[in-house]
């Protein structure tokens, strides 16, 4: 999927995410946040200007969040992302209330809505993780102007093709057809077993 489709999935299919921001003491604080809208390069949510969440967003300008969908661990898909945030004011409130009519029950009058302001998440990176697939499925993505190299474990030219790494891989995602062997990144759990066992020290973590 494109980054925009991941963002849309988070907004439409998951909707509520657990978000983390940093307080004045440098400690993380979490809260539940509804994603109100999304486009190809952004997510949109709102909050009240009187909340400490608002103060942390304004001071730090950054957010990280995770949303999950599924009835159990093994039926679960998740999207985690982090990115810059900026306040847009109340111009988009009518559109967000139209897309999320339950908000009228929380803020029923125009006067009560005056407390609200819209934030945009932009220039970020994220990851899709799906445990309902066999083997598991994971993909990284970026949106906005963010450019991030894929992380994880990679096999270098020091590989001798011994196959020890494949024996300890819980998802059997190491391809030994060629030397050096190749880790199928879309199915890797990032557990580090291959890194620990490689006798040639040919696996690196990025």
N, C-alpha and C. Protein backbone atom coordinates (compact mmCIF):
# COMPACT_ATOMS: atom_id res chain seq x y z
N UNK A 1 0.84 -1.20 0.00
CA UNK A 1 0.00 0.00 0.00
C UNK A 1 0.88 1.25 0.00
N UNK A 2 0.34 2.32 -0.53
CA UNK A 2 1.02 3.61 -0.47
C UNK A 2 0.88 4.18 0.93
N UNK A 3 1.71 5.18 1.24
CA UNK A 3 1.63 5.83 2.55
C UNK A 3 0.24 6.38 2.80
N UNK A 4 -0.35 6.96 1.77
CA UNK A 4 -1.69 7.52 1.92
C UNK A 4 -2.72 6.47 2.30
N UNK A 5 -2.59 5.27 1.78
CA UNK A 5 -3.54 4.20 2.11
C UNK A 5 -3.35 3.71 3.54
N UNK A 6 -2.10 3.69 4.01
CA UNK A 6 -1.87 3.35 5.41
C UNK A 6 -2.50 4.40 6.33
N UNK A 7 -2.33 5.66 5.97
CA UNK A 7 -2.90 6.74 6.78
C UNK A 7 -4.42 6.67 6.78
N UNK A 8 -5.00 6.39 5.62
CA UNK A 8 -6.45 6.23 5.52
C UNK A 8 -6.94 5.05 6.34
N UNK A 9 -6.19 3.95 6.30
CA UNK A 9 -6.56 2.77 7.08
C UNK A 9 -6.56 3.10 8.57
N UNK A 10 -5.55 3.82 9.00
CA UNK A 10 -5.47 4.21 10.41
C UNK A 10 -6.66 5.08 10.79
N UNK A 11 -7.04 5.99 9.91
CA UNK A 11 -8.15 6.89 10.21
C UNK A 11 -9.52 6.20 10.13
N UNK A 12 -9.73 5.39 9.09
CA UNK A 12 -11.05 4.84 8.84
C UNK A 12 -11.29 3.50 9.54
N UNK A 13 -10.29 2.61 9.54
CA UNK A 13 -10.49 1.27 10.06
C UNK A 13 -10.10 1.13 11.54
N UNK A 14 -9.08 1.86 11.96
CA UNK A 14 -8.65 1.80 13.36
C UNK A 14 -9.22 2.97 14.15
N UNK A 15 -9.03 4.15 13.66
CA UNK A 15 -9.61 5.40 14.15
C UNK A 15 -9.01 5.89 15.46
N UNK A 16 -9.09 5.09 16.52
CA UNK A 16 -8.55 5.52 17.80
C UNK A 16 -7.15 4.95 18.00
N UNK A 17 -6.20 5.82 18.28
CA UNK A 17 -4.81 5.42 18.47
C UNK A 17 -4.33 5.88 19.84
N UNK A 18 -3.33 5.20 20.36
CA UNK A 18 -2.68 5.65 21.60
C UNK A 18 -1.48 6.48 21.20
N UNK A 19 -1.50 7.73 21.61
CA UNK A 19 -0.47 8.68 21.20
C UNK A 19 0.46 9.00 22.36
N UNK A 20 1.71 9.26 22.03
CA UNK A 20 2.71 9.62 23.04
C UNK A 20 3.31 10.98 22.71
N UNK A 21 3.41 11.80 23.74
CA UNK A 21 4.12 13.08 23.65
C UNK A 21 5.08 13.16 24.84
N UNK A 22 5.90 14.20 24.88
CA UNK A 22 6.90 14.35 25.92
C UNK A 22 6.57 15.55 26.79
N UNK A 23 6.64 15.35 28.13
CA UNK A 23 6.33 16.46 29.03
C UNK A 23 7.57 17.32 29.29
N UNK A 24 7.42 18.33 30.15
CA UNK A 24 8.52 19.25 30.42
C UNK A 24 9.71 18.57 31.09
N UNK A 25 9.46 17.43 31.73
CA UNK A 25 10.55 16.71 32.38
C UNK A 25 11.22 15.70 31.47
N UNK A 26 10.79 15.65 30.20
CA UNK A 26 11.39 14.72 29.25
C UNK A 26 10.82 13.32 29.33
N UNK A 27 9.70 13.15 30.04
CA UNK A 27 9.09 11.84 30.19
C UNK A 27 7.91 11.67 29.23
N UNK A 28 7.68 10.44 28.75
CA UNK A 28 6.57 10.22 27.82
C UNK A 28 5.22 10.23 28.54
N UNK A 29 4.21 10.74 27.87
CA UNK A 29 2.84 10.75 28.36
C UNK A 29 1.95 10.22 27.24
N UNK A 30 1.06 9.29 27.54
CA UNK A 30 0.18 8.72 26.52
C UNK A 30 -1.26 9.14 26.73
N UNK A 31 -2.01 9.10 25.64
CA UNK A 31 -3.44 9.36 25.69
C UNK A 31 -4.08 8.78 24.42
N UNK A 32 -5.38 8.59 24.46
CA UNK A 32 -6.10 8.08 23.30
C UNK A 32 -6.54 9.25 22.43
N UNK A 33 -6.31 9.14 21.12
CA UNK A 33 -6.63 10.21 20.19
C UNK A 33 -7.35 9.62 18.98
N UNK A 34 -8.46 10.23 18.58
CA UNK A 34 -9.17 9.80 17.38
C UNK A 34 -8.61 10.50 16.16
N UNK A 35 -8.31 9.73 15.12
CA UNK A 35 -7.86 10.30 13.86
C UNK A 35 -9.10 10.71 13.06
N UNK A 36 -9.24 11.99 12.82
CA UNK A 36 -10.47 12.54 12.24
C UNK A 36 -10.49 12.57 10.72
N UNK A 37 -9.33 12.63 10.11
CA UNK A 37 -9.26 12.68 8.65
C UNK A 37 -7.84 12.34 8.22
N UNK A 38 -7.69 12.01 6.94
CA UNK A 38 -6.37 11.68 6.40
C UNK A 38 -6.34 11.98 4.91
N UNK A 39 -5.14 12.27 4.41
CA UNK A 39 -4.94 12.39 2.97
C UNK A 39 -3.63 11.68 2.63
N UNK A 40 -3.07 11.92 1.49
CA UNK A 40 -1.88 11.19 1.04
C UNK A 40 -0.66 11.43 1.91
N UNK A 41 -0.61 12.58 2.58
CA UNK A 41 0.60 12.93 3.31
C UNK A 41 0.37 13.42 4.73
N UNK A 42 -0.86 13.28 5.24
CA UNK A 42 -1.14 13.85 6.55
C UNK A 42 -2.26 13.11 7.27
N UNK A 43 -2.25 13.24 8.59
CA UNK A 43 -3.37 12.85 9.44
C UNK A 43 -3.86 14.08 10.19
N UNK A 44 -5.15 14.10 10.55
CA UNK A 44 -5.72 15.24 11.24
C UNK A 44 -6.47 14.77 12.48
N UNK A 45 -6.26 15.47 13.58
CA UNK A 45 -7.00 15.20 14.81
C UNK A 45 -7.28 16.53 15.49
N UNK A 46 -8.09 16.51 16.51
CA UNK A 46 -8.38 17.75 17.22
C UNK A 46 -8.26 17.53 18.73
N UNK A 47 -8.11 18.62 19.44
CA UNK A 47 -8.06 18.58 20.89
C UNK A 47 -8.51 19.92 21.42
N UNK A 48 -8.78 19.97 22.70
CA UNK A 48 -9.16 21.23 23.34
C UNK A 48 -7.91 21.99 23.78
N UNK A 49 -7.97 23.29 23.62
CA UNK A 49 -6.80 24.10 23.92
C UNK A 49 -6.50 24.18 25.41
N UNK A 50 -7.44 23.76 26.25
CA UNK A 50 -7.21 23.79 27.69
C UNK A 50 -6.51 22.55 28.22
N UNK A 51 -6.28 21.56 27.38
CA UNK A 51 -5.68 20.31 27.84
C UNK A 51 -4.15 20.39 27.88
N UNK A 52 -3.57 19.62 28.79
CA UNK A 52 -2.10 19.55 28.85
C UNK A 52 -1.55 18.90 27.58
N UNK A 53 -2.34 18.03 26.95
CA UNK A 53 -1.96 17.43 25.67
C UNK A 53 -1.67 18.51 24.64
N UNK A 54 -2.53 19.54 24.62
CA UNK A 54 -2.34 20.67 23.71
C UNK A 54 -1.00 21.36 23.99
N UNK A 55 -0.71 21.59 25.27
CA UNK A 55 0.53 22.27 25.63
C UNK A 55 1.76 21.47 25.17
N UNK A 56 1.70 20.14 25.33
CA UNK A 56 2.85 19.31 24.92
C UNK A 56 3.03 19.33 23.41
N UNK A 57 1.92 19.32 22.68
CA UNK A 57 2.01 19.38 21.22
C UNK A 57 2.64 20.70 20.77
N UNK A 58 2.25 21.77 21.40
CA UNK A 58 2.76 23.09 21.00
C UNK A 58 4.24 23.25 21.36
N UNK A 59 4.64 22.71 22.51
CA UNK A 59 6.02 22.90 22.95
C UNK A 59 6.99 22.00 22.19
N UNK A 60 6.58 20.76 21.92
CA UNK A 60 7.49 19.78 21.33
C UNK A 60 7.33 19.66 19.82
N UNK A 61 6.12 19.83 19.32
CA UNK A 61 5.90 19.77 17.87
C UNK A 61 6.09 18.40 17.26
N UNK A 62 5.90 17.35 18.10
CA UNK A 62 6.14 15.99 17.62
C UNK A 62 5.21 15.04 18.34
N UNK A 63 4.84 13.94 17.64
CA UNK A 63 3.95 12.95 18.23
C UNK A 63 4.30 11.57 17.69
N UNK A 64 4.07 10.55 18.50
CA UNK A 64 4.18 9.16 18.07
C UNK A 64 2.90 8.46 18.49
N UNK A 65 2.44 7.51 17.67
CA UNK A 65 1.19 6.84 18.01
C UNK A 65 1.14 5.44 17.42
N UNK A 66 0.29 4.62 18.01
CA UNK A 66 0.04 3.26 17.54
C UNK A 66 -1.46 2.99 17.60
N UNK A 67 -1.98 2.41 16.52
CA UNK A 67 -3.37 1.97 16.49
C UNK A 67 -3.43 0.51 16.10
N UNK A 68 -4.34 -0.24 16.72
CA UNK A 68 -4.44 -1.68 16.47
C UNK A 68 -5.88 -2.06 16.14
N UNK A 69 -6.02 -3.08 15.28
CA UNK A 69 -7.33 -3.61 14.95
C UNK A 69 -7.28 -5.12 14.98
N UNK A 70 -8.22 -5.74 15.68
CA UNK A 70 -8.25 -7.19 15.77
C UNK A 70 -8.86 -7.63 17.09
N UNK A 71 -9.45 -8.83 17.10
CA UNK A 71 -10.10 -9.33 18.30
C UNK A 71 -9.13 -10.06 19.22
N UNK A 72 -7.98 -10.44 18.70
CA UNK A 72 -6.97 -11.13 19.50
C UNK A 72 -5.60 -10.82 18.92
N UNK A 73 -4.57 -11.22 19.65
CA UNK A 73 -3.21 -10.94 19.19
C UNK A 73 -2.95 -11.47 17.79
N UNK A 74 -3.35 -12.71 17.54
CA UNK A 74 -3.04 -13.35 16.27
C UNK A 74 -4.00 -12.96 15.14
N UNK A 75 -4.96 -12.09 15.42
CA UNK A 75 -5.81 -11.56 14.36
C UNK A 75 -5.58 -10.07 14.20
N UNK A 76 -4.50 -9.59 14.79
CA UNK A 76 -4.30 -8.15 14.91
C UNK A 76 -3.40 -7.57 13.82
N UNK A 77 -3.80 -6.42 13.32
CA UNK A 77 -2.94 -5.60 12.48
C UNK A 77 -2.73 -4.26 13.21
N UNK A 78 -1.59 -3.65 12.98
CA UNK A 78 -1.27 -2.42 13.70
C UNK A 78 -0.51 -1.47 12.80
N UNK A 79 -0.70 -0.19 13.05
CA UNK A 79 0.08 0.85 12.38
C UNK A 79 0.68 1.73 13.47
N UNK A 80 1.98 1.89 13.42
CA UNK A 80 2.69 2.81 14.31
C UNK A 80 3.35 3.88 13.46
N UNK A 81 3.32 5.11 13.94
CA UNK A 81 3.98 6.18 13.19
C UNK A 81 4.41 7.29 14.13
N UNK A 82 5.26 8.13 13.61
CA UNK A 82 5.69 9.33 14.33
C UNK A 82 5.91 10.43 13.31
N UNK A 83 5.67 11.65 13.74
CA UNK A 83 5.84 12.75 12.80
C UNK A 83 5.72 14.11 13.48
N UNK A 84 5.96 15.12 12.71
CA UNK A 84 5.82 16.50 13.19
C UNK A 84 4.34 16.86 13.25
N UNK A 85 4.00 17.78 14.14
CA UNK A 85 2.62 18.26 14.23
C UNK A 85 2.61 19.79 14.18
N UNK A 86 1.54 20.32 13.61
CA UNK A 86 1.34 21.76 13.64
C UNK A 86 -0.13 22.07 13.82
N UNK A 87 -0.40 23.16 14.50
CA UNK A 87 -1.78 23.57 14.76
C UNK A 87 -2.34 24.30 13.55
N UNK A 88 -3.55 23.93 13.16
CA UNK A 88 -4.22 24.55 12.01
C UNK A 88 -5.36 25.48 12.41
N UNK A 89 -5.72 25.49 13.69
CA UNK A 89 -6.82 26.32 14.13
C UNK A 89 -8.16 25.61 13.96
N UNK A 90 -9.25 26.37 13.82
CA UNK A 90 -10.59 25.78 13.77
C UNK A 90 -11.24 25.78 12.39
N UNK A 91 -10.50 26.16 11.37
CA UNK A 91 -11.08 26.25 10.02
C UNK A 91 -11.63 24.91 9.54
N UNK A 92 -10.97 23.83 9.87
CA UNK A 92 -11.38 22.51 9.40
C UNK A 92 -12.42 21.84 10.29
N UNK A 93 -12.81 22.47 11.39
CA UNK A 93 -13.75 21.84 12.32
C UNK A 93 -15.04 21.39 11.65
N UNK A 94 -15.70 22.22 10.81
CA UNK A 94 -16.94 21.76 10.18
C UNK A 94 -16.76 20.47 9.39
N UNK A 95 -15.66 20.34 8.66
CA UNK A 95 -15.41 19.13 7.87
C UNK A 95 -15.18 17.93 8.77
N UNK A 96 -14.43 18.12 9.85
CA UNK A 96 -14.14 17.01 10.74
C UNK A 96 -15.38 16.57 11.51
N UNK A 97 -16.24 17.50 11.88
CA UNK A 97 -17.50 17.15 12.55
C UNK A 97 -18.43 16.43 11.58
N UNK A 98 -18.40 16.81 10.32
CA UNK A 98 -19.24 16.13 9.32
C UNK A 98 -18.78 14.69 9.13
N UNK A 99 -17.47 14.47 9.12
CA UNK A 99 -16.95 13.12 8.95
C UNK A 99 -17.05 12.29 10.23
N UNK A 100 -17.14 12.95 11.36
CA UNK A 100 -17.17 12.27 12.65
C UNK A 100 -18.33 12.83 13.48
N UNK A 101 -19.58 12.53 13.09
CA UNK A 101 -20.75 13.16 13.72
C UNK A 101 -20.90 12.89 15.21
N UNK A 102 -20.24 11.86 15.73
CA UNK A 102 -20.32 11.62 17.17
C UNK A 102 -19.75 12.78 17.99
N UNK A 103 -18.93 13.61 17.34
CA UNK A 103 -18.35 14.75 18.03
C UNK A 103 -19.41 15.75 18.49
N UNK A 104 -20.56 15.75 17.80
CA UNK A 104 -21.65 16.66 18.20
C UNK A 104 -22.16 16.30 19.60
N UNK A 105 -22.06 15.03 19.99
CA UNK A 105 -22.52 14.62 21.31
C UNK A 105 -21.55 15.05 22.41
N UNK A 106 -20.31 15.25 22.03
CA UNK A 106 -19.29 15.66 23.00
C UNK A 106 -19.22 17.18 23.11
N UNK A 107 -19.28 17.83 21.96
CA UNK A 107 -19.27 19.30 21.90
C UNK A 107 -20.50 19.75 21.11
N UNK A 108 -21.68 19.83 21.77
CA UNK A 108 -22.95 20.00 21.05
C UNK A 108 -23.24 21.42 20.55
N UNK A 109 -22.57 22.42 21.08
CA UNK A 109 -22.88 23.79 20.70
C UNK A 109 -21.68 24.48 20.09
N UNK A 110 -21.97 25.54 19.35
CA UNK A 110 -20.89 26.32 18.75
C UNK A 110 -19.99 26.90 19.83
N UNK A 111 -20.60 27.31 20.95
CA UNK A 111 -19.83 27.89 22.04
C UNK A 111 -18.86 26.86 22.62
N UNK A 112 -19.31 25.61 22.78
CA UNK A 112 -18.43 24.58 23.34
C UNK A 112 -17.32 24.22 22.36
N UNK A 113 -17.61 24.32 21.08
CA UNK A 113 -16.62 23.98 20.06
C UNK A 113 -15.50 25.01 19.96
N UNK A 114 -15.71 26.17 20.56
CA UNK A 114 -14.68 27.20 20.53
C UNK A 114 -13.41 26.77 21.25
N UNK A 115 -13.52 25.74 22.09
CA UNK A 115 -12.35 25.25 22.81
C UNK A 115 -11.45 24.40 21.92
N UNK A 116 -11.96 23.97 20.76
CA UNK A 116 -11.26 22.99 19.94
C UNK A 116 -10.33 23.62 18.91
N UNK A 117 -9.28 22.89 18.59
CA UNK A 117 -8.37 23.28 17.53
C UNK A 117 -7.88 22.02 16.82
N UNK A 118 -7.55 22.15 15.55
CA UNK A 118 -7.15 21.01 14.73
C UNK A 118 -5.63 20.96 14.59
N UNK A 119 -5.09 19.75 14.66
CA UNK A 119 -3.67 19.53 14.42
C UNK A 119 -3.47 18.63 13.22
N UNK A 120 -2.39 18.86 12.52
CA UNK A 120 -1.99 18.04 11.36
C UNK A 120 -0.70 17.31 11.69
N UNK A 121 -0.66 16.00 11.44
CA UNK A 121 0.58 15.23 11.54
C UNK A 121 1.18 15.15 10.14
N UNK A 122 2.40 15.60 9.98
CA UNK A 122 3.02 15.65 8.66
C UNK A 122 4.49 15.28 8.78
N UNK A 123 5.14 15.05 7.66
CA UNK A 123 6.57 14.72 7.64
C UNK A 123 6.91 13.65 8.67
N UNK A 124 6.49 12.42 8.40
CA UNK A 124 6.70 11.36 9.36
C UNK A 124 7.06 10.03 8.73
N UNK A 125 7.23 9.04 9.57
CA UNK A 125 7.50 7.68 9.13
C UNK A 125 6.65 6.72 9.93
N UNK A 126 6.39 5.55 9.36
CA UNK A 126 5.53 4.61 10.04
C UNK A 126 5.81 3.18 9.65
N UNK A 127 5.08 2.28 10.30
CA UNK A 127 5.24 0.86 10.02
C UNK A 127 3.90 0.14 10.13
N UNK A 128 3.65 -0.72 9.17
CA UNK A 128 2.50 -1.62 9.17
C UNK A 128 2.97 -2.97 9.69
N UNK A 129 2.21 -3.56 10.62
CA UNK A 129 2.59 -4.86 11.20
C UNK A 129 1.33 -5.71 11.31
N UNK A 130 1.34 -6.89 10.68
CA UNK A 130 0.14 -7.72 10.61
C UNK A 130 0.45 -9.14 11.09
N UNK A 131 -0.06 -9.49 12.27
CA UNK A 131 0.15 -10.82 12.83
C UNK A 131 -0.88 -11.83 12.34
N UNK A 132 -1.88 -11.38 11.60
CA UNK A 132 -2.90 -12.31 11.10
C UNK A 132 -2.40 -13.07 9.87
N UNK A 133 -1.28 -12.63 9.30
CA UNK A 133 -0.71 -13.28 8.13
C UNK A 133 0.33 -14.32 8.55
N UNK A 134 0.52 -15.34 7.72
CA UNK A 134 1.56 -16.35 7.94
C UNK A 134 2.42 -16.47 6.69
N UNK A 135 3.71 -16.09 6.73
CA UNK A 135 4.38 -15.48 7.88
C UNK A 135 3.86 -14.07 8.15
N UNK A 136 4.30 -13.50 9.26
CA UNK A 136 3.85 -12.15 9.59
C UNK A 136 4.22 -11.19 8.46
N UNK A 137 3.57 -10.03 8.46
CA UNK A 137 3.81 -9.05 7.39
C UNK A 137 4.13 -7.71 8.03
N UNK A 138 5.19 -7.07 7.54
CA UNK A 138 5.52 -5.73 8.02
C UNK A 138 6.08 -4.90 6.87
N UNK A 139 5.71 -3.64 6.85
CA UNK A 139 6.21 -2.72 5.84
C UNK A 139 6.44 -1.36 6.48
N UNK A 140 7.50 -0.70 6.08
CA UNK A 140 7.77 0.66 6.53
C UNK A 140 7.33 1.64 5.46
N UNK A 141 6.97 2.84 5.87
CA UNK A 141 6.57 3.87 4.92
C UNK A 141 6.91 5.25 5.48
N UNK A 142 6.99 6.22 4.62
CA UNK A 142 7.19 7.61 5.01
C UNK A 142 6.12 8.45 4.36
N UNK A 143 5.86 9.61 4.92
CA UNK A 143 4.90 10.53 4.32
C UNK A 143 5.39 11.96 4.49
N UNK A 144 4.87 12.84 3.63
CA UNK A 144 5.37 14.20 3.62
C UNK A 144 6.78 14.24 3.07
N UNK A 145 7.64 15.03 3.67
CA UNK A 145 9.01 15.19 3.21
C UNK A 145 10.00 14.29 3.95
N UNK A 146 9.50 13.42 4.81
CA UNK A 146 10.38 12.57 5.58
C UNK A 146 11.00 11.48 4.71
N UNK A 147 12.31 11.29 4.84
CA UNK A 147 13.03 10.22 4.16
C UNK A 147 13.80 9.43 5.21
N UNK A 148 13.46 8.15 5.35
CA UNK A 148 14.09 7.31 6.37
C UNK A 148 14.54 6.01 5.73
N UNK A 149 15.76 5.59 6.02
CA UNK A 149 16.22 4.29 5.54
C UNK A 149 15.58 3.18 6.36
N UNK A 150 15.27 2.08 5.69
CA UNK A 150 14.66 0.94 6.37
C UNK A 150 15.60 0.39 7.43
N UNK A 151 15.06 0.07 8.59
CA UNK A 151 15.85 -0.52 9.66
C UNK A 151 15.66 -2.03 9.71
N UNK A 152 16.34 -2.66 10.65
CA UNK A 152 16.21 -4.10 10.80
C UNK A 152 17.56 -4.78 10.68
N UNK A 153 17.54 -6.06 10.34
CA UNK A 153 18.76 -6.87 10.22
C UNK A 153 19.04 -7.19 8.75
N UNK A 154 20.31 -7.10 8.38
CA UNK A 154 20.72 -7.31 7.00
C UNK A 154 21.97 -8.17 6.97
N UNK A 155 22.03 -9.08 5.98
CA UNK A 155 23.17 -9.98 5.84
C UNK A 155 24.18 -9.38 4.86
N UNK A 156 25.43 -9.30 5.29
CA UNK A 156 26.47 -8.65 4.49
C UNK A 156 27.25 -9.68 3.68
N UNK A 157 28.22 -9.20 2.93
CA UNK A 157 29.03 -10.07 2.06
C UNK A 157 29.94 -11.02 2.85
N UNK A 158 29.99 -10.86 4.18
CA UNK A 158 30.77 -11.78 4.99
C UNK A 158 30.09 -13.13 5.19
N UNK A 159 28.87 -13.26 4.69
CA UNK A 159 28.09 -14.50 4.83
C UNK A 159 28.79 -15.66 4.12
N UNK A 160 28.83 -16.81 4.78
CA UNK A 160 29.44 -18.01 4.18
C UNK A 160 28.39 -19.00 3.69
N UNK A 161 27.12 -18.70 3.94
CA UNK A 161 26.05 -19.59 3.51
C UNK A 161 25.87 -20.81 4.38
N UNK A 162 26.30 -20.76 5.63
CA UNK A 162 26.24 -21.94 6.51
C UNK A 162 24.81 -22.33 6.88
N UNK A 163 23.90 -21.37 6.90
CA UNK A 163 22.49 -21.67 7.20
C UNK A 163 22.12 -21.65 8.66
N UNK A 164 23.06 -21.34 9.55
CA UNK A 164 22.74 -21.31 10.98
C UNK A 164 21.62 -20.31 11.28
N UNK A 165 21.64 -19.20 10.58
CA UNK A 165 20.64 -18.16 10.82
C UNK A 165 19.22 -18.66 10.54
N UNK A 166 19.08 -19.44 9.50
CA UNK A 166 17.76 -19.93 9.11
C UNK A 166 17.17 -20.88 10.15
N UNK A 167 18.03 -21.61 10.84
CA UNK A 167 17.55 -22.59 11.82
C UNK A 167 16.92 -21.92 13.04
N UNK A 168 17.26 -20.66 13.31
CA UNK A 168 16.72 -19.98 14.50
C UNK A 168 15.72 -18.89 14.14
N UNK A 169 15.39 -18.75 12.87
CA UNK A 169 14.45 -17.71 12.45
C UNK A 169 13.01 -18.18 12.70
N UNK A 170 12.25 -17.51 13.56
CA UNK A 170 10.89 -17.96 13.90
C UNK A 170 9.91 -17.85 12.74
N UNK A 171 10.21 -17.04 11.74
CA UNK A 171 9.31 -16.86 10.61
C UNK A 171 9.85 -17.48 9.32
N UNK A 172 10.98 -18.17 9.41
CA UNK A 172 11.61 -18.80 8.22
C UNK A 172 11.70 -17.82 7.06
N UNK A 173 12.19 -16.63 7.35
CA UNK A 173 12.21 -15.58 6.33
C UNK A 173 13.61 -15.30 5.78
N UNK A 174 14.52 -16.27 5.92
CA UNK A 174 15.87 -16.10 5.39
C UNK A 174 16.03 -16.98 4.15
N UNK A 175 16.36 -16.35 3.05
CA UNK A 175 16.51 -17.03 1.76
C UNK A 175 17.97 -17.45 1.58
N UNK A 176 18.20 -18.77 1.52
CA UNK A 176 19.56 -19.31 1.41
C UNK A 176 19.92 -19.73 -0.01
N UNK A 177 19.12 -19.35 -0.98
CA UNK A 177 19.38 -19.76 -2.35
C UNK A 177 20.71 -19.22 -2.86
N UNK A 178 21.06 -18.02 -2.43
CA UNK A 178 22.31 -17.41 -2.88
C UNK A 178 23.16 -17.06 -1.67
N UNK A 179 24.41 -16.70 -1.93
CA UNK A 179 25.33 -16.25 -0.88
C UNK A 179 25.85 -14.87 -1.28
N UNK A 180 25.68 -13.84 -0.45
CA UNK A 180 25.13 -13.93 0.90
C UNK A 180 23.62 -14.22 0.91
N UNK A 181 23.17 -14.84 1.99
CA UNK A 181 21.74 -15.10 2.16
C UNK A 181 21.00 -13.76 2.29
N UNK A 182 19.70 -13.81 2.13
CA UNK A 182 18.89 -12.59 2.16
C UNK A 182 17.74 -12.73 3.15
N UNK A 183 17.56 -11.72 3.99
CA UNK A 183 16.43 -11.70 4.91
C UNK A 183 15.25 -11.05 4.20
N UNK A 184 14.13 -11.75 4.16
CA UNK A 184 12.91 -11.20 3.57
C UNK A 184 12.31 -10.21 4.57
N UNK A 185 12.58 -8.94 4.34
CA UNK A 185 12.25 -7.91 5.32
C UNK A 185 10.75 -7.82 5.62
N UNK A 186 9.91 -8.16 4.66
CA UNK A 186 8.47 -8.04 4.85
C UNK A 186 7.93 -9.04 5.86
N UNK A 187 8.74 -10.04 6.23
CA UNK A 187 8.28 -11.06 7.17
C UNK A 187 9.15 -11.16 8.42
N UNK A 188 10.10 -10.27 8.58
CA UNK A 188 11.06 -10.35 9.68
C UNK A 188 10.48 -9.76 10.97
N UNK A 189 10.65 -10.47 12.08
CA UNK A 189 10.18 -10.00 13.38
C UNK A 189 11.16 -9.06 14.07
N UNK A 190 12.37 -8.92 13.53
CA UNK A 190 13.43 -8.12 14.15
C UNK A 190 13.80 -8.68 15.52
N UNK A 191 13.74 -10.00 15.67
CA UNK A 191 14.04 -10.62 16.96
C UNK A 191 15.54 -10.64 17.27
N UNK A 192 16.39 -10.66 16.24
CA UNK A 192 17.84 -10.65 16.44
C UNK A 192 18.47 -12.02 16.59
N UNK A 193 17.69 -13.10 16.47
CA UNK A 193 18.27 -14.44 16.60
C UNK A 193 19.39 -14.69 15.59
N UNK A 194 19.17 -14.28 14.35
CA UNK A 194 20.18 -14.50 13.31
C UNK A 194 21.47 -13.74 13.62
N UNK A 195 21.32 -12.55 14.13
CA UNK A 195 22.46 -11.71 14.49
C UNK A 195 23.31 -12.38 15.57
N UNK A 196 22.63 -12.97 16.55
CA UNK A 196 23.33 -13.57 17.68
C UNK A 196 24.05 -14.85 17.29
N UNK A 197 23.48 -15.63 16.36
CA UNK A 197 24.03 -16.96 16.08
C UNK A 197 25.05 -16.99 14.95
N UNK A 198 25.08 -15.98 14.11
CA UNK A 198 25.93 -16.00 12.91
C UNK A 198 27.41 -16.19 13.28
N UNK A 199 28.04 -17.29 12.89
CA UNK A 199 29.45 -17.54 13.25
C UNK A 199 30.42 -16.60 12.52
N UNK A 200 29.98 -16.08 11.37
CA UNK A 200 30.85 -15.20 10.60
C UNK A 200 30.66 -13.73 10.95
N UNK A 201 29.72 -13.45 11.87
CA UNK A 201 29.38 -12.06 12.25
C UNK A 201 29.06 -11.24 11.00
N UNK A 202 28.32 -11.87 10.12
CA UNK A 202 28.01 -11.24 8.83
C UNK A 202 26.66 -10.53 8.81
N UNK A 203 25.98 -10.48 9.95
CA UNK A 203 24.67 -9.84 10.01
C UNK A 203 24.78 -8.55 10.80
N UNK A 204 24.26 -7.48 10.24
CA UNK A 204 24.32 -6.19 10.90
C UNK A 204 22.93 -5.66 11.18
N UNK A 205 22.84 -4.89 12.24
CA UNK A 205 21.57 -4.25 12.60
C UNK A 205 21.65 -2.78 12.22
N UNK A 206 20.65 -2.33 11.48
CA UNK A 206 20.64 -0.93 11.06
C UNK A 206 19.51 -0.19 11.75
